Amino acid sequence: MMHGNMRTYASGRKKSYDAWSTKKKTPPKFEPLEVKVEPYRRVATTVYKSCDRGSHSTQIKERINYTGTLVKGISTMHKSNAVPIIDSQEAIDHANMRR
């Protein structure tokens, strides 16, 4: 346990504030802010042209489908890993796989 007072340091020097004081400081006097008439503006500001929205199409794109004959289907392996199936033997192997 530490003994001493709150008004001085351990060396005996007086603190700049009194921790035990119950006096409340008076708030500073209100002074209205002076408003400048003209706001600050930079001298040379670069102006960029806006995006032209009229040249882009907003139609729904046609869905891309696989039309080849090599891939027979898709198999799911460990943790949703999609693997293409090329022949029926590969499909049987994937079906028989265990963890």
PDB file of N, CA and C in Angstrom:
ATOM      1  N   MET A   1       0.841  -1.167   0.000  1.00  0.00           N
ATOM      2  CA  MET A   1       0.000   0.000   0.000  1.00  0.00           C
ATOM      3  C   MET A   1       0.891   1.237   0.000  1.00  0.00           C
ATOM      4  N   MET A   2       0.489   2.231  -0.753  1.00  0.00           N
ATOM      5  CA  MET A   2       1.309   3.426  -0.892  1.00  0.00           C
ATOM      6  C   MET A   2       0.697   4.570  -0.087  1.00  0.00           C
ATOM      7  N   HIS A   3       1.508   5.238   0.671  1.00  0.00           N
ATOM      8  CA  HIS A   3       1.037   6.361   1.472  1.00  0.00           C
ATOM      9  C   HIS A   3       1.579   7.653   0.893  1.00  0.00           C
ATOM     10  N   GLY A   4       0.852   8.704   1.076  1.00  0.00           N
ATOM     11  CA  GLY A   4       1.286  10.005   0.588  1.00  0.00           C
ATOM     12  C   GLY A   4       0.066  10.842   0.267  1.00  0.00           C
ATOM     13  N   ASN A   5       0.295  11.992  -0.322  1.00  0.00           N
ATOM     14  CA  ASN A   5      -0.862  12.797  -0.681  1.00  0.00           C
ATOM     15  C   ASN A   5      -0.937  12.956  -2.185  1.00  0.00           C
ATOM     16  N   MET A   6      -2.079  13.475  -2.643  1.00  0.00           N
ATOM     17  CA  MET A   6      -2.331  13.594  -4.070  1.00  0.00           C
ATOM     18  C   MET A   6      -1.876  14.937  -4.632  1.00  0.00           C
ATOM     19  N   ARG A   7      -1.375  15.834  -3.758  1.00  0.00           N
ATOM     20  CA  ARG A   7      -0.981  17.165  -4.214  1.00  0.00           C
ATOM     21  C   ARG A   7       0.495  17.261  -4.585  1.00  0.00           C
ATOM     22  N   THR A   8       1.295  16.299  -4.137  1.00  0.00           N
ATOM     23  CA  THR A   8       2.732  16.350  -4.424  1.00  0.00           C
ATOM     24  C   THR A   8       3.206  14.996  -4.931  1.00  0.00           C
ATOM     25  N   TYR A   9       4.337  15.025  -5.647  1.00  0.00           N
ATOM     26  CA  TYR A   9       4.981  13.798  -6.097  1.00  0.00           C
ATOM     27  C   TYR A   9       5.759  13.192  -4.940  1.00  0.00           C
ATOM     28  N   ALA A  10       6.304  11.989  -5.117  1.00  0.00           N
ATOM     29  CA  ALA A  10       7.078  11.329  -4.068  1.00  0.00           C
ATOM     30  C   ALA A  10       8.328  12.118  -3.714  1.00  0.00           C
ATOM     31  N   SER A  11       8.837  12.914  -4.656  1.00  0.00           N
ATOM     32  CA  SER A  11      10.029  13.715  -4.395  1.00  0.00           C
ATOM     33  C   SER A  11       9.706  14.965  -3.585  1.00  0.00           C
ATOM     34  N   GLY A  12       8.412  15.297  -3.441  1.00  0.00           N
ATOM     35  CA  GLY A  12       8.020  16.473  -2.681  1.00  0.00           C
ATOM     36  C   GLY A  12       7.637  17.644  -3.572  1.00  0.00           C
ATOM     37  N   ARG A  13       7.898  17.538  -4.857  1.00  0.00           N
ATOM     38  CA  ARG A  13       7.548  18.622  -5.780  1.00  0.00           C
ATOM     39  C   ARG A  13       6.038  18.704  -5.928  1.00  0.00           C
ATOM     40  N   LYS A  14       5.470  19.908  -6.012  1.00  0.00           N
ATOM     41  CA  LYS A  14       4.037  20.101  -6.118  1.00  0.00           C
ATOM     42  C   LYS A  14       3.556  19.749  -7.523  1.00  0.00           C
ATOM     43  N   LYS A  15       2.414  19.037  -7.594  1.00  0.00           N
ATOM     44  CA  LYS A  15       1.826  18.695  -8.884  1.00  0.00           C
ATOM     45  C   LYS A  15       1.155  19.921  -9.475  1.00  0.00           C
ATOM     46  N   SER A  16       1.022  19.947 -10.797  1.00  0.00           N
ATOM     47  CA  SER A  16       0.413  21.094 -11.467  1.00  0.00           C
ATOM     48  C   SER A  16      -1.106  21.068 -11.358  1.00  0.00           C
ATOM     49  N   TYR A  17      -1.661  19.977 -10.856  1.00  0.00           N
ATOM     50  CA  TYR A  17      -3.098  19.877 -10.660  1.00  0.00           C
ATOM     51  C   TYR A  17      -3.367  19.224  -9.316  1.00  0.00           C
ATOM     52  N   ASP A  18      -4.548  19.432  -8.823  1.00  0.00           N
ATOM     53  CA  ASP A  18      -4.933  18.849  -7.548  1.00  0.00           C
ATOM     54  C   ASP A  18      -5.958  17.759  -7.814  1.00  0.00           C
ATOM     55  N   ALA A  19      -5.599  16.503  -7.606  1.00  0.00           N
ATOM     56  CA  ALA A  19      -6.476  15.389  -7.911  1.00  0.00           C
ATOM     57  C   ALA A  19      -7.675  15.334  -6.976  1.00  0.00           C
ATOM     58  N   TRP A  20      -7.558  15.908  -5.764  1.00  0.00           N
ATOM     59  CA  TRP A  20      -8.648  15.875  -4.798  1.00  0.00           C
ATOM     60  C   TRP A  20      -9.597  17.043  -4.963  1.00  0.00           C
ATOM     61  N   SER A  21      -9.260  17.967  -5.801  1.00  0.00           N
ATOM     62  CA  SER A  21     -10.052  19.184  -5.923  1.00  0.00           C
ATOM     63  C   SER A  21     -11.447  18.886  -6.450  1.00  0.00           C
ATOM     64  N   THR A  22     -12.458  19.529  -5.861  1.00  0.00           N
ATOM     65  CA  THR A  22     -13.831  19.373  -6.314  1.00  0.00           C
ATOM     66  C   THR A  22     -14.296  20.598  -7.073  1.00  0.00           C
ATOM     67  N   LYS A  23     -13.420  21.570  -7.240  1.00  0.00           N
ATOM     68  CA  LYS A  23     -13.768  22.775  -7.981  1.00  0.00           C
ATOM     69  C   LYS A  23     -13.957  22.435  -9.449  1.00  0.00           C
ATOM     70  N   LYS A  24     -14.969  23.012 -10.044  1.00  0.00           N
ATOM     71  CA  LYS A  24     -15.202  22.810 -11.463  1.00  0.00           C
ATOM     72  C   LYS A  24     -14.669  24.011 -12.210  1.00  0.00           C
ATOM     73  N   LYS A  25     -13.970  23.749 -13.267  1.00  0.00           N
ATOM     74  CA  LYS A  25     -13.445  24.829 -14.081  1.00  0.00           C
ATOM     75  C   LYS A  25     -14.583  25.451 -14.869  1.00  0.00           C
ATOM     76  N   THR A  26     -14.545  26.738 -15.032  1.00  0.00           N
ATOM     77  CA  THR A  26     -15.569  27.411 -15.824  1.00  0.00           C
ATOM     78  C   THR A  26     -15.278  27.175 -17.294  1.00  0.00           C
ATOM     79  N   PRO A  27     -16.326  26.907 -18.066  1.00  0.00           N
ATOM     80  CA  PRO A  27     -16.087  26.668 -19.493  1.00  0.00           C
ATOM     81  C   PRO A  27     -15.620  27.951 -20.173  1.00  0.00           C
ATOM     82  N   PRO A  28     -14.872  27.831 -21.260  1.00  0.00           N
ATOM     83  CA  PRO A  28     -14.393  29.034 -21.945  1.00  0.00           C
ATOM     84  C   PRO A  28     -15.556  29.838 -22.523  1.00  0.00           C
ATOM     85  N   LYS A  29     -15.342  31.129 -22.629  1.00  0.00           N
ATOM     86  CA  LYS A  29     -16.368  32.016 -23.140  1.00  0.00           C
ATOM     87  C   LYS A  29     -16.623  31.720 -24.618  1.00  0.00           C
ATOM     88  N   PHE A  30     -17.902  31.709 -25.007  1.00  0.00           N
ATOM     89  CA  PHE A  30     -18.271  31.417 -26.382  1.00  0.00           C
ATOM     90  C   PHE A  30     -17.937  32.596 -27.276  1.00  0.00           C
ATOM     91  N   GLU A  31     -17.208  32.305 -28.339  1.00  0.00           N
ATOM     92  CA  GLU A  31     -16.906  33.323 -29.337  1.00  0.00           C
ATOM     93  C   GLU A  31     -17.326  32.775 -30.693  1.00  0.00           C
ATOM     94  N   PRO A  32     -18.222  33.453 -31.398  1.00  0.00           N
ATOM     95  CA  PRO A  32     -18.674  32.938 -32.702  1.00  0.00           C
ATOM     96  C   PRO A  32     -17.532  32.911 -33.719  1.00  0.00           C
ATOM     97  N   LEU A  33     -17.599  31.921 -34.600  1.00  0.00           N
ATOM     98  CA  LEU A  33     -16.572  31.732 -35.609  1.00  0.00           C
ATOM     99  C   LEU A  33     -16.763  32.738 -36.731  1.00  0.00           C
ATOM    100  N   GLU A  34     -15.669  33.334 -37.130  1.00  0.00           N
ATOM    101  CA  GLU A  34     -15.739  34.282 -38.247  1.00  0.00           C
ATOM    102  C   GLU A  34     -15.761  33.502 -39.553  1.00  0.00           C
ATOM    103  N   VAL A  35     -16.771  33.779 -40.390  1.00  0.00           N
ATOM    104  CA  VAL A  35     -16.945  33.068 -41.650  1.00  0.00           C
ATOM    105  C   VAL A  35     -16.360  33.910 -42.769  1.00  0.00           C
ATOM    106  N   LYS A  36     -15.532  33.278 -43.590  1.00  0.00           N
ATOM    107  CA  LYS A  36     -14.975  33.972 -44.742  1.00  0.00           C
ATOM    108  C   LYS A  36     -16.045  34.112 -45.807  1.00  0.00           C
ATOM    109  N   VAL A  37     -15.996  35.180 -46.543  1.00  0.00           N
ATOM    110  CA  VAL A  37     -16.998  35.433 -47.563  1.00  0.00           C
ATOM    111  C   VAL A  37     -16.819  34.489 -48.743  1.00  0.00           C
ATOM    112  N   GLU A  38     -15.609  34.269 -49.191  1.00  0.00           N
ATOM    113  CA  GLU A  38     -15.342  33.426 -50.349  1.00  0.00           C
ATOM    114  C   GLU A  38     -14.636  32.147 -49.906  1.00  0.00           C
ATOM    115  N   PRO A  39     -15.160  30.955 -50.278  1.00  0.00           N
ATOM    116  CA  PRO A  39     -14.486  29.714 -49.891  1.00  0.00           C
ATOM    117  C   PRO A  39     -13.190  29.518 -50.679  1.00  0.00           C
ATOM    118  N   TYR A  40     -12.315  28.703 -50.108  1.00  0.00           N
ATOM    119  CA  TYR A  40     -11.027  28.445 -50.742  1.00  0.00           C
ATOM    120  C   TYR A  40     -11.211  27.583 -51.981  1.00  0.00           C
ATOM    121  N   ARG A  41     -10.554  27.933 -53.061  1.00  0.00           N
ATOM    122  CA  ARG A  41     -10.573  27.130 -54.286  1.00  0.00           C
ATOM    123  C   ARG A  41      -9.157  27.008 -54.820  1.00  0.00           C
ATOM    124  N   ARG A  42      -8.871  25.842 -55.364  1.00  0.00           N
ATOM    125  CA  ARG A  42      -7.564  25.659 -55.988  1.00  0.00           C
ATOM    126  C   ARG A  42      -7.521  26.409 -57.304  1.00  0.00           C
ATOM    127  N   VAL A  43      -6.337  26.834 -57.673  1.00  0.00           N
ATOM    128  CA  VAL A  43      -6.195  27.626 -58.889  1.00  0.00           C
ATOM    129  C   VAL A  43      -6.370  26.748 -60.121  1.00  0.00           C
ATOM    130  N   ALA A  44      -5.614  25.666 -60.211  1.00  0.00           N
ATOM    131  CA  ALA A  44      -5.680  24.810 -61.397  1.00  0.00           C
ATOM    132  C   ALA A  44      -6.278  23.458 -61.003  1.00  0.00           C
ATOM    133  N   THR A  45      -7.556  23.252 -61.307  1.00  0.00           N
ATOM    134  CA  THR A  45      -8.224  21.990 -61.018  1.00  0.00           C
ATOM    135  C   THR A  45      -8.493  21.273 -62.334  1.00  0.00           C
ATOM    136  N   THR A  46      -8.073  20.005 -62.415  1.00  0.00           N
ATOM    137  CA  THR A  46      -8.276  19.220 -63.618  1.00  0.00           C
ATOM    138  C   THR A  46      -9.722  18.746 -63.673  1.00  0.00           C
ATOM    139  N   VAL A  47     -10.364  18.914 -64.812  1.00  0.00           N
ATOM    140  CA  VAL A  47     -11.743  18.474 -64.995  1.00  0.00           C
ATOM    141  C   VAL A  47     -11.725  17.241 -65.891  1.00  0.00           C
ATOM    142  N   TYR A  48     -12.287  16.152 -65.379  1.00  0.00           N
ATOM    143  CA  TYR A  48     -12.334  14.909 -66.136  1.00  0.00           C
ATOM    144  C   TYR A  48     -13.720  14.729 -66.735  1.00  0.00           C
ATOM    145  N   LYS A  49     -13.764  14.166 -67.944  1.00  0.00           N
ATOM    146  CA  LYS A  49     -15.025  13.939 -68.620  1.00  0.00           C
ATOM    147  C   LYS A  49     -15.771  12.788 -67.946  1.00  0.00           C
ATOM    148  N   SER A  50     -17.069  12.927 -67.819  1.00  0.00           N
ATOM    149  CA  SER A  50     -17.890  11.889 -67.203  1.00  0.00           C
ATOM    150  C   SER A  50     -17.974  10.666 -68.104  1.00  0.00           C
ATOM    151  N   CYS A  51     -18.361   9.538 -67.514  1.00  0.00           N
ATOM    152  CA  CYS A  51     -18.526   8.295 -68.256  1.00  0.00           C
ATOM    153  C   CYS A  51     -19.730   8.404 -69.184  1.00  0.00           C
ATOM    154  N   ASP A  52     -19.580   7.961 -70.429  1.00  0.00           N
ATOM    155  CA  ASP A  52     -20.670   7.982 -71.389  1.00  0.00           C
ATOM    156  C   ASP A  52     -21.458   6.689 -71.235  1.00  0.00           C
ATOM    157  N   ARG A  53     -22.646   6.758 -70.667  1.00  0.00           N
ATOM    158  CA  ARG A  53     -23.453   5.570 -70.409  1.00  0.00           C
ATOM    159  C   ARG A  53     -24.267   5.141 -71.621  1.00  0.00           C
ATOM    160  N   GLY A  54     -24.343   5.937 -72.653  1.00  0.00           N
ATOM    161  CA  GLY A  54     -25.186   5.625 -73.792  1.00  0.00           C
ATOM    162  C   GLY A  54     -24.624   4.578 -74.727  1.00  0.00           C
ATOM    163  N   SER A  55     -23.327   4.282 -74.688  1.00  0.00           N
ATOM    164  CA  SER A  55     -22.720   3.377 -75.650  1.00  0.00           C
ATOM    165  C   SER A  55     -22.696   1.922 -75.174  1.00  0.00           C
ATOM    166  N   HIS A  56     -23.106   1.642 -73.947  1.00  0.00           N
ATOM    167  CA  HIS A  56     -23.054   0.284 -73.427  1.00  0.00           C
ATOM    168  C   HIS A  56     -24.421  -0.384 -73.518  1.00  0.00           C
ATOM    169  N   SER A  57     -24.416  -1.670 -73.817  1.00  0.00           N
ATOM    170  CA  SER A  57     -25.650  -2.434 -73.906  1.00  0.00           C
ATOM    171  C   SER A  57     -25.989  -3.016 -72.538  1.00  0.00           C
ATOM    172  N   THR A  58     -27.282  -2.996 -72.180  1.00  0.00           N
ATOM    173  CA  THR A  58     -27.719  -3.545 -70.902  1.00  0.00           C
ATOM    174  C   THR A  58     -28.569  -4.796 -71.075  1.00  0.00           C
ATOM    175  N   GLN A  59     -28.557  -5.375 -72.261  1.00  0.00           N
ATOM    176  CA  GLN A  59     -29.328  -6.582 -72.493  1.00  0.00           C
ATOM    177  C   GLN A  59     -28.681  -7.769 -71.806  1.00  0.00           C
ATOM    178  N   ILE A  60     -29.506  -8.783 -71.486  1.00  0.00           N
ATOM    179  CA  ILE A  60     -29.000  -9.995 -70.861  1.00  0.00           C
ATOM    180  C   ILE A  60     -28.202 -10.783 -71.891  1.00  0.00           C
ATOM    181  N   LYS A  61     -26.996 -11.214 -71.480  1.00  0.00           N
ATOM    182  CA  LYS A  61     -26.154 -11.980 -72.390  1.00  0.00           C
ATOM    183  C   LYS A  61     -26.699 -13.390 -72.544  1.00  0.00           C
ATOM    184  N   GLU A  62     -26.450 -13.973 -73.700  1.00  0.00           N
ATOM    185  CA  GLU A  62     -26.897 -15.328 -73.964  1.00  0.00           C
ATOM    186  C   GLU A  62     -26.049 -16.301 -73.140  1.00  0.00           C
ATOM    187  N   ARG A  63     -26.697 -17.294 -72.545  1.00  0.00           N
ATOM    188  CA  ARG A  63     -26.022 -18.252 -71.688  1.00  0.00           C
ATOM    189  C   ARG A  63     -25.090 -19.138 -72.508  1.00  0.00           C
ATOM    190  N   ILE A  64     -23.887 -19.402 -71.986  1.00  0.00           N
ATOM    191  CA  ILE A  64     -22.899 -20.226 -72.679  1.00  0.00           C
ATOM    192  C   ILE A  64     -23.097 -21.677 -72.262  1.00  0.00           C
ATOM    193  N   ASN A  65     -23.317 -22.575 -73.207  1.00  0.00           N
ATOM    194  CA  ASN A  65     -23.509 -24.001 -72.954  1.00  0.00           C
ATOM    195  C   ASN A  65     -22.415 -24.799 -73.648  1.00  0.00           C
ATOM    196  N   TYR A  66     -22.036 -25.926 -73.000  1.00  0.00           N
ATOM    197  CA  TYR A  66     -21.042 -26.818 -73.589  1.00  0.00           C
ATOM    198  C   TYR A  66     -21.698 -27.639 -74.694  1.00  0.00           C
ATOM    199  N   THR A  67     -21.134 -27.616 -75.899  1.00  0.00           N
ATOM    200  CA  THR A  67     -21.724 -28.342 -77.038  1.00  0.00           C
ATOM    201  C   THR A  67     -20.839 -29.470 -77.523  1.00  0.00           C
ATOM    202  N   GLY A  68     -19.734 -29.750 -76.821  1.00  0.00           N
ATOM    203  CA  GLY A  68     -18.816 -30.801 -77.255  1.00  0.00           C
ATOM    204  C   GLY A  68     -19.307 -32.182 -76.868  1.00  0.00           C
ATOM    205  N   THR A  69     -18.510 -33.211 -77.243  1.00  0.00           N
ATOM    206  CA  THR A  69     -18.884 -34.594 -76.971  1.00  0.00           C
ATOM    207  C   THR A  69     -17.889 -35.299 -76.061  1.00  0.00           C
ATOM    208  N   LEU A  70     -16.791 -34.662 -75.677  1.00  0.00           N
ATOM    209  CA  LEU A  70     -15.770 -35.305 -74.857  1.00  0.00           C
ATOM    210  C   LEU A  70     -16.238 -35.506 -73.421  1.00  0.00           C
ATOM    211  N   VAL A  71     -16.777 -34.495 -72.785  1.00  0.00           N
ATOM    212  CA  VAL A  71     -17.175 -34.570 -71.380  1.00  0.00           C
ATOM    213  C   VAL A  71     -18.588 -35.134 -71.297  1.00  0.00           C
ATOM    214  N   LYS A  72     -18.734 -36.251 -70.549  1.00  0.00           N
ATOM    215  CA  LYS A  72     -20.040 -36.899 -70.396  1.00  0.00           C
ATOM    216  C   LYS A  72     -20.837 -36.290 -69.239  1.00  0.00           C
ATOM    217  N   GLY A  73     -20.148 -35.816 -68.209  1.00  0.00           N
ATOM    218  CA  GLY A  73     -20.834 -35.258 -67.047  1.00  0.00           C
ATOM    219  C   GLY A  73     -19.838 -34.685 -66.061  1.00  0.00           C
ATOM    220  N   ILE A  74     -20.347 -34.331 -64.882  1.00  0.00           N
ATOM    221  CA  ILE A  74     -19.509 -33.742 -63.834  1.00  0.00           C
ATOM    222  C   ILE A  74     -19.705 -34.547 -62.562  1.00  0.00           C
ATOM    223  N   SER A  75     -18.608 -34.905 -61.917  1.00  0.00           N
ATOM    224  CA  SER A  75     -18.640 -35.640 -60.666  1.00  0.00           C
ATOM    225  C   SER A  75     -18.167 -34.724 -59.540  1.00  0.00           C
ATOM    226  N   THR A  76     -18.721 -34.949 -58.337  1.00  0.00           N
ATOM    227  CA  THR A  76     -18.311 -34.165 -57.174  1.00  0.00           C
ATOM    228  C   THR A  76     -17.441 -35.028 -56.286  1.00  0.00           C
ATOM    229  N   MET A  77     -16.242 -34.537 -56.021  1.00  0.00           N
ATOM    230  CA  MET A  77     -15.334 -35.267 -55.147  1.00  0.00           C
ATOM    231  C   MET A  77     -15.322 -34.586 -53.789  1.00  0.00           C
ATOM    232  N   HIS A  78     -14.233 -34.712 -53.055  1.00  0.00           N
ATOM    233  CA  HIS A  78     -14.107 -34.193 -51.696  1.00  0.00           C
ATOM    234  C   HIS A  78     -14.310 -32.681 -51.651  1.00  0.00           C
ATOM    235  N   LYS A  79     -15.162 -32.222 -50.752  1.00  0.00           N
ATOM    236  CA  LYS A  79     -15.438 -30.798 -50.506  1.00  0.00           C
ATOM    237  C   LYS A  79     -15.868 -30.046 -51.761  1.00  0.00           C
ATOM    238  N   SER A  80     -16.829 -30.550 -52.449  1.00  0.00           N
ATOM    239  CA  SER A  80     -17.447 -29.884 -53.609  1.00  0.00           C
ATOM    240  C   SER A  80     -16.456 -29.591 -54.723  1.00  0.00           C
ATOM    241  N   ASN A  81     -15.527 -30.477 -54.947  1.00  0.00           N
ATOM    242  CA  ASN A  81     -14.560 -30.324 -56.023  1.00  0.00           C
ATOM    243  C   ASN A  81     -15.161 -30.944 -57.280  1.00  0.00           C
ATOM    244  N   ALA A  82     -15.573 -30.123 -58.237  1.00  0.00           N
ATOM    245  CA  ALA A  82     -16.194 -30.614 -59.462  1.00  0.00           C
ATOM    246  C   ALA A  82     -15.130 -31.138 -60.419  1.00  0.00           C
ATOM    247  N   VAL A  83     -15.337 -32.388 -60.895  1.00  0.00           N
ATOM    248  CA  VAL A  83     -14.384 -33.036 -61.787  1.00  0.00           C
ATOM    249  C   VAL A  83     -15.139 -33.499 -63.039  1.00  0.00           C
ATOM    250  N   PRO A  84     -14.606 -33.211 -64.228  1.00  0.00           N
ATOM    251  CA  PRO A  84     -15.303 -33.673 -65.434  1.00  0.00           C
ATOM    252  C   PRO A  84     -15.153 -35.185 -65.618  1.00  0.00           C
ATOM    253  N   ILE A  85     -16.226 -35.834 -66.080  1.00  0.00           N
ATOM    254  CA  ILE A  85     -16.233 -37.273 -66.353  1.00  0.00           C
ATOM    255  C   ILE A  85     -16.149 -37.458 -67.863  1.00  0.00           C
ATOM    256  N   ILE A  86     -15.135 -38.231 -68.312  1.00  0.00           N
ATOM    257  CA  ILE A  86     -14.908 -38.412 -69.741  1.00  0.00           C
ATOM    258  C   ILE A  86     -15.525 -39.724 -70.245  1.00  0.00           C
ATOM    259  N   ASP A  87     -15.412 -40.800 -69.445  1.00  0.00           N
ATOM    260  CA  ASP A  87     -15.993 -42.079 -69.886  1.00  0.00           C
ATOM    261  C   ASP A  87     -16.728 -42.736 -68.714  1.00  0.00           C
ATOM    262  N   SER A  88     -17.427 -43.834 -68.995  1.00  0.00           N
ATOM    263  CA  SER A  88     -18.256 -44.481 -67.975  1.00  0.00           C
ATOM    264  C   SER A  88     -17.416 -45.134 -66.876  1.00  0.00           C
ATOM    265  N   GLN A  89     -16.216 -45.622 -67.188  1.00  0.00           N
ATOM    266  CA  GLN A  89     -15.358 -46.248 -66.173  1.00  0.00           C
ATOM    267  C   GLN A  89     -14.926 -45.212 -65.132  1.00  0.00           C
ATOM    268  N   GLU A  90     -14.639 -44.022 -65.569  1.00  0.00           N
ATOM    269  CA  GLU A  90     -14.249 -42.956 -64.651  1.00  0.00           C
ATOM    270  C   GLU A  90     -15.417 -42.585 -63.729  1.00  0.00           C
ATOM    271  N   ALA A  91     -16.641 -42.625 -64.250  1.00  0.00           N
ATOM    272  CA  ALA A  91     -17.829 -42.345 -63.430  1.00  0.00           C
ATOM    273  C   ALA A  91     -17.999 -43.413 -62.356  1.00  0.00           C
ATOM    274  N   ILE A  92     -17.745 -44.681 -62.716  1.00  0.00           N
ATOM    275  CA  ILE A  92     -17.849 -45.782 -61.747  1.00  0.00           C
ATOM    276  C   ILE A  92     -16.785 -45.631 -60.661  1.00  0.00           C
ATOM    277  N   ASP A  93     -15.561 -45.264 -61.062  1.00  0.00           N
ATOM    278  CA  ASP A  93     -14.477 -45.073 -60.090  1.00  0.00           C
ATOM    279  C   ASP A  93     -14.809 -43.969 -59.088  1.00  0.00           C
ATOM    280  N   HIS A  94     -15.364 -42.886 -59.575  1.00  0.00           N
ATOM    281  CA  HIS A  94     -15.719 -41.774 -58.675  1.00  0.00           C
ATOM    282  C   HIS A  94     -16.867 -42.176 -57.740  1.00  0.00           C
ATOM    283  N   ALA A  95     -17.797 -42.974 -58.230  1.00  0.00           N
ATOM    284  CA  ALA A  95     -18.912 -43.410 -57.393  1.00  0.00           C
ATOM    285  C   ALA A  95     -18.463 -44.360 -56.307  1.00  0.00           C
ATOM    286  N   ASN A  96     -17.431 -45.152 -56.556  1.00  0.00           N
ATOM    287  CA  ASN A  96     -16.934 -46.125 -55.580  1.00  0.00           C
ATOM    288  C   ASN A  96     -15.931 -45.528 -54.603  1.00  0.00           C
ATOM    289  N   MET A  97     -15.483 -44.322 -54.824  1.00  0.00           N
ATOM    290  CA  MET A  97     -14.482 -43.690 -53.933  1.00  0.00           C
ATOM    291  C   MET A  97     -15.072 -43.420 -52.568  1.00  0.00           C
ATOM    292  N   ARG A  98     -14.265 -43.639 -51.552  1.00  0.00           N
ATOM    293  CA  ARG A  98     -14.649 -43.339 -50.163  1.00  0.00           C
ATOM    294  C   ARG A  98     -13.757 -42.221 -49.651  1.00  0.00           C
ATOM    295  N   ARG A  99     -14.086 -41.745 -48.495  1.00  0.00           N
ATOM    296  CA  ARG A  99     -13.292 -40.669 -47.888  1.00  0.00           C
ATOM    297  C   ARG A  99     -11.881 -41.094 -47.630  1.00  0.00           C
TER     298      ARG A  99
END
